[in-house]
């Protein structure tokens, strides 16, 4: 549950910095408790990632099977990946 809170807090910081944000932690948490199949959740999550400009990995992502799947997908499709929001705010705002 701490990862859901971290995801929410990071999403809020990015939102306040002017980004439109999708937080998979909150999206998949709500859907998982509704009984939707995990494979379907991952498939739809990757569709969402495909439409994003970049992905931010959070502390502890190595322990999450879902985050590892997302990272591998990002590598395959050459999606930008950040491990801190500081880099996002600086790099993206300067572009």
N, C-alpha and C. Protein backbone atom coordinates (compact mmCIF):
# COMPACT_ATOMS: atom_id res chain seq x y z
N UNK A 1 0.82 -1.20 0.00
CA UNK A 1 0.00 0.00 0.00
C UNK A 1 0.86 1.26 0.00
N UNK A 2 2.09 1.17 0.52
CA UNK A 2 2.97 2.34 0.54
C UNK A 2 3.31 2.78 -0.89
N UNK A 3 3.40 1.81 -1.82
CA UNK A 3 3.70 2.17 -3.20
C UNK A 3 2.56 2.97 -3.83
N UNK A 4 1.32 2.67 -3.44
CA UNK A 4 0.18 3.43 -3.95
C UNK A 4 0.26 4.87 -3.44
N UNK A 5 0.61 5.04 -2.17
CA UNK A 5 0.76 6.37 -1.60
C UNK A 5 1.90 7.13 -2.28
N UNK A 6 3.03 6.46 -2.50
CA UNK A 6 4.16 7.11 -3.20
C UNK A 6 3.76 7.55 -4.59
N UNK A 7 3.03 6.69 -5.29
CA UNK A 7 2.57 7.03 -6.63
C UNK A 7 1.66 8.24 -6.62
N UNK A 8 0.75 8.29 -5.67
CA UNK A 8 -0.16 9.42 -5.55
C UNK A 8 0.60 10.70 -5.28
N UNK A 9 1.52 10.67 -4.32
CA UNK A 9 2.29 11.86 -3.96
C UNK A 9 3.12 12.37 -5.14
N UNK A 10 3.73 11.46 -5.87
CA UNK A 10 4.53 11.84 -7.04
C UNK A 10 3.64 12.44 -8.11
N UNK A 11 2.49 11.83 -8.34
CA UNK A 11 1.55 12.35 -9.34
C UNK A 11 1.11 13.77 -8.98
N UNK A 12 0.83 14.01 -7.72
CA UNK A 12 0.41 15.35 -7.28
C UNK A 12 1.53 16.37 -7.52
N UNK A 13 2.77 16.01 -7.19
CA UNK A 13 3.90 16.94 -7.41
C UNK A 13 4.04 17.28 -8.89
N UNK A 14 3.94 16.27 -9.75
CA UNK A 14 4.06 16.51 -11.19
C UNK A 14 2.89 17.33 -11.71
N UNK A 15 1.70 17.04 -11.20
CA UNK A 15 0.51 17.79 -11.60
C UNK A 15 0.68 19.26 -11.24
N UNK A 16 1.15 19.52 -10.03
CA UNK A 16 1.35 20.90 -9.58
C UNK A 16 2.46 21.61 -10.37
N UNK A 17 3.37 20.82 -10.98
CA UNK A 17 4.43 21.39 -11.80
C UNK A 17 3.94 21.65 -13.24
N UNK A 18 2.69 21.30 -13.52
CA UNK A 18 2.11 21.62 -14.82
C UNK A 18 1.95 20.47 -15.79
N UNK A 19 2.21 19.25 -15.34
CA UNK A 19 2.08 18.08 -16.21
C UNK A 19 0.69 17.45 -16.09
N UNK A 20 0.21 16.87 -17.18
CA UNK A 20 -0.97 16.01 -17.12
C UNK A 20 -0.45 14.64 -16.72
N UNK A 21 -1.03 14.03 -15.70
CA UNK A 21 -0.44 12.83 -15.09
C UNK A 21 -1.44 11.67 -15.06
N UNK A 22 -0.93 10.50 -15.40
CA UNK A 22 -1.65 9.24 -15.19
C UNK A 22 -0.90 8.50 -14.09
N UNK A 23 -1.59 8.05 -13.07
CA UNK A 23 -0.96 7.33 -11.97
C UNK A 23 -1.45 5.87 -11.98
N UNK A 24 -0.65 4.96 -12.55
CA UNK A 24 -1.10 3.57 -12.65
C UNK A 24 -1.38 2.94 -11.29
N UNK A 25 -0.72 3.42 -10.24
CA UNK A 25 -0.96 2.88 -8.90
C UNK A 25 -2.43 3.02 -8.52
N UNK A 26 -2.96 4.20 -8.74
CA UNK A 26 -4.34 4.45 -8.36
C UNK A 26 -5.31 3.77 -9.33
N UNK A 27 -4.97 3.79 -10.59
CA UNK A 27 -5.82 3.17 -11.60
C UNK A 27 -5.93 1.66 -11.38
N UNK A 28 -4.79 0.99 -11.28
CA UNK A 28 -4.83 -0.47 -11.15
C UNK A 28 -5.32 -0.91 -9.77
N UNK A 29 -5.07 -0.12 -8.74
CA UNK A 29 -5.55 -0.47 -7.40
C UNK A 29 -7.08 -0.55 -7.39
N UNK A 30 -7.71 0.45 -7.96
CA UNK A 30 -9.18 0.47 -7.99
C UNK A 30 -9.73 -0.67 -8.83
N UNK A 31 -9.07 -0.95 -9.94
CA UNK A 31 -9.56 -2.00 -10.83
C UNK A 31 -9.30 -3.39 -10.25
N UNK A 32 -8.14 -3.59 -9.62
CA UNK A 32 -7.80 -4.89 -9.05
C UNK A 32 -8.81 -5.32 -8.00
N UNK A 33 -9.21 -4.40 -7.15
CA UNK A 33 -10.17 -4.78 -6.10
C UNK A 33 -11.56 -5.04 -6.68
N UNK A 34 -11.75 -4.70 -7.97
CA UNK A 34 -13.03 -4.97 -8.63
C UNK A 34 -13.05 -6.33 -9.30
N UNK A 35 -11.91 -7.06 -9.22
CA UNK A 35 -11.86 -8.42 -9.74
C UNK A 35 -11.45 -8.56 -11.20
N UNK A 36 -10.94 -7.50 -11.81
CA UNK A 36 -10.48 -7.58 -13.20
C UNK A 36 -9.17 -8.37 -13.24
N UNK A 37 -9.00 -9.19 -14.27
CA UNK A 37 -7.82 -10.03 -14.45
C UNK A 37 -6.55 -9.18 -14.54
N UNK A 38 -5.50 -9.61 -13.83
CA UNK A 38 -4.24 -8.86 -13.81
C UNK A 38 -3.59 -8.74 -15.17
N UNK A 39 -3.67 -9.77 -15.99
CA UNK A 39 -3.08 -9.69 -17.34
C UNK A 39 -3.76 -8.60 -18.16
N UNK A 40 -5.06 -8.47 -17.99
CA UNK A 40 -5.79 -7.41 -18.71
C UNK A 40 -5.37 -6.04 -18.19
N UNK A 41 -5.17 -5.92 -16.89
CA UNK A 41 -4.72 -4.65 -16.32
C UNK A 41 -3.37 -4.26 -16.88
N UNK A 42 -2.43 -5.20 -16.94
CA UNK A 42 -1.09 -4.93 -17.47
C UNK A 42 -1.19 -4.53 -18.94
N UNK A 43 -1.98 -5.23 -19.71
CA UNK A 43 -2.14 -4.92 -21.13
C UNK A 43 -2.65 -3.49 -21.33
N UNK A 44 -3.66 -3.12 -20.58
CA UNK A 44 -4.23 -1.76 -20.69
C UNK A 44 -3.24 -0.72 -20.17
N UNK A 45 -2.50 -1.07 -19.12
CA UNK A 45 -1.49 -0.16 -18.58
C UNK A 45 -0.43 0.16 -19.63
N UNK A 46 -0.01 -0.85 -20.38
CA UNK A 46 0.99 -0.64 -21.43
C UNK A 46 0.43 0.22 -22.57
N UNK A 47 -0.87 0.10 -22.83
CA UNK A 47 -1.51 0.98 -23.81
C UNK A 47 -1.44 2.43 -23.36
N UNK A 48 -1.69 2.64 -22.08
CA UNK A 48 -1.62 4.01 -21.53
C UNK A 48 -0.19 4.52 -21.62
N UNK A 49 0.78 3.71 -21.22
CA UNK A 49 2.18 4.12 -21.27
C UNK A 49 2.58 4.49 -22.70
N UNK A 50 2.08 3.75 -23.66
CA UNK A 50 2.40 4.03 -25.05
C UNK A 50 2.00 5.44 -25.48
N UNK A 51 0.98 5.99 -24.83
CA UNK A 51 0.49 7.33 -25.17
C UNK A 51 1.16 8.43 -24.36
N UNK A 52 1.99 8.05 -23.41
CA UNK A 52 2.66 9.03 -22.54
C UNK A 52 3.99 9.49 -23.15
N UNK A 53 4.44 10.66 -22.73
CA UNK A 53 5.74 11.17 -23.18
C UNK A 53 6.89 10.52 -22.44
N UNK A 54 6.67 10.16 -21.19
CA UNK A 54 7.71 9.55 -20.37
C UNK A 54 7.09 8.84 -19.19
N UNK A 55 7.92 8.07 -18.49
CA UNK A 55 7.51 7.31 -17.30
C UNK A 55 8.47 7.66 -16.17
N UNK A 56 7.93 7.76 -14.96
CA UNK A 56 8.76 7.99 -13.77
C UNK A 56 8.69 6.73 -12.91
N UNK A 57 9.86 6.16 -12.63
CA UNK A 57 9.94 5.01 -11.73
C UNK A 57 10.12 5.52 -10.30
N UNK A 58 9.48 4.86 -9.38
CA UNK A 58 9.56 5.28 -7.98
C UNK A 58 10.46 4.37 -7.17
N UNK A 59 10.89 4.86 -6.05
CA UNK A 59 11.70 4.07 -5.12
C UNK A 59 11.01 2.73 -4.86
N UNK A 60 11.79 1.66 -4.97
CA UNK A 60 11.25 0.33 -4.71
C UNK A 60 10.63 -0.34 -5.92
N UNK A 61 10.75 0.29 -7.09
CA UNK A 61 10.12 -0.30 -8.29
C UNK A 61 10.66 -1.70 -8.58
N UNK A 62 11.88 -1.98 -8.14
CA UNK A 62 12.50 -3.28 -8.41
C UNK A 62 11.72 -4.43 -7.79
N UNK A 63 10.94 -4.13 -6.77
CA UNK A 63 10.16 -5.16 -6.07
C UNK A 63 8.80 -5.40 -6.71
N UNK A 64 8.46 -4.60 -7.70
CA UNK A 64 7.15 -4.69 -8.32
C UNK A 64 7.25 -5.37 -9.68
N UNK A 65 6.55 -6.48 -9.83
CA UNK A 65 6.54 -7.18 -11.11
C UNK A 65 5.94 -6.27 -12.19
N UNK A 66 4.89 -5.54 -11.84
CA UNK A 66 4.26 -4.65 -12.79
C UNK A 66 5.20 -3.55 -13.26
N UNK A 67 5.94 -2.96 -12.34
CA UNK A 67 6.89 -1.90 -12.70
C UNK A 67 8.00 -2.45 -13.59
N UNK A 68 8.44 -3.66 -13.33
CA UNK A 68 9.48 -4.26 -14.17
C UNK A 68 8.95 -4.51 -15.59
N UNK A 69 7.72 -4.93 -15.70
CA UNK A 69 7.09 -5.12 -17.02
C UNK A 69 7.02 -3.77 -17.74
N UNK A 70 6.60 -2.73 -17.01
CA UNK A 70 6.52 -1.40 -17.60
C UNK A 70 7.89 -0.90 -18.07
N UNK A 71 8.91 -1.10 -17.25
CA UNK A 71 10.26 -0.67 -17.61
C UNK A 71 10.74 -1.40 -18.86
N UNK A 72 10.56 -2.70 -18.92
CA UNK A 72 10.96 -3.47 -20.11
C UNK A 72 10.22 -2.99 -21.35
N UNK A 73 8.95 -2.69 -21.19
CA UNK A 73 8.17 -2.16 -22.32
C UNK A 73 8.74 -0.82 -22.78
N UNK A 74 9.03 0.05 -21.84
CA UNK A 74 9.61 1.36 -22.17
C UNK A 74 10.92 1.21 -22.93
N UNK A 75 11.72 0.27 -22.53
CA UNK A 75 12.99 0.02 -23.23
C UNK A 75 12.75 -0.45 -24.66
N UNK A 76 11.75 -1.32 -24.83
CA UNK A 76 11.45 -1.84 -26.17
C UNK A 76 10.95 -0.76 -27.13
N UNK A 77 10.17 0.19 -26.60
CA UNK A 77 9.58 1.22 -27.47
C UNK A 77 10.30 2.56 -27.36
N UNK A 78 11.46 2.55 -26.70
CA UNK A 78 12.30 3.75 -26.56
C UNK A 78 11.58 4.91 -25.88
N UNK A 79 10.84 4.59 -24.83
CA UNK A 79 10.14 5.60 -24.04
C UNK A 79 11.10 6.15 -23.00
N UNK A 80 11.09 7.46 -22.79
CA UNK A 80 11.96 8.05 -21.76
C UNK A 80 11.52 7.58 -20.37
N UNK A 81 12.51 7.26 -19.54
CA UNK A 81 12.25 6.80 -18.18
C UNK A 81 13.11 7.62 -17.23
N UNK A 82 12.46 8.16 -16.22
CA UNK A 82 13.16 8.93 -15.18
C UNK A 82 13.06 8.17 -13.86
N UNK A 83 14.06 8.33 -13.04
CA UNK A 83 14.05 7.71 -11.70
C UNK A 83 13.89 8.75 -10.60
N UNK A 84 13.72 9.99 -11.01
CA UNK A 84 13.45 11.07 -10.07
C UNK A 84 12.59 12.12 -10.77
N UNK A 85 11.71 12.75 -10.05
CA UNK A 85 10.87 13.76 -10.70
C UNK A 85 11.64 15.06 -10.91
N UNK A 86 12.75 15.25 -10.20
CA UNK A 86 13.53 16.47 -10.39
C UNK A 86 14.02 16.57 -11.83
N UNK A 87 14.51 15.48 -12.37
CA UNK A 87 14.96 15.47 -13.76
C UNK A 87 13.83 15.73 -14.73
N UNK A 88 12.66 15.23 -14.43
CA UNK A 88 11.50 15.44 -15.28
C UNK A 88 11.16 16.92 -15.34
N UNK A 89 11.04 17.53 -14.19
CA UNK A 89 10.61 18.92 -14.13
C UNK A 89 11.61 19.83 -14.83
N UNK A 90 12.89 19.59 -14.63
CA UNK A 90 13.92 20.40 -15.27
C UNK A 90 13.96 20.13 -16.78
N UNK A 91 14.11 18.88 -17.17
CA UNK A 91 14.28 18.53 -18.60
C UNK A 91 13.05 18.86 -19.43
N UNK A 92 11.89 18.48 -18.97
CA UNK A 92 10.70 18.67 -19.77
C UNK A 92 10.31 20.13 -19.88
N UNK A 93 10.49 20.89 -18.84
CA UNK A 93 10.13 22.31 -18.89
C UNK A 93 11.06 23.10 -19.80
N UNK A 94 12.29 22.65 -19.96
CA UNK A 94 13.26 23.34 -20.82
C UNK A 94 13.03 23.01 -22.29
N UNK A 95 12.39 21.90 -22.60
CA UNK A 95 12.20 21.49 -24.01
C UNK A 95 11.28 22.42 -24.75
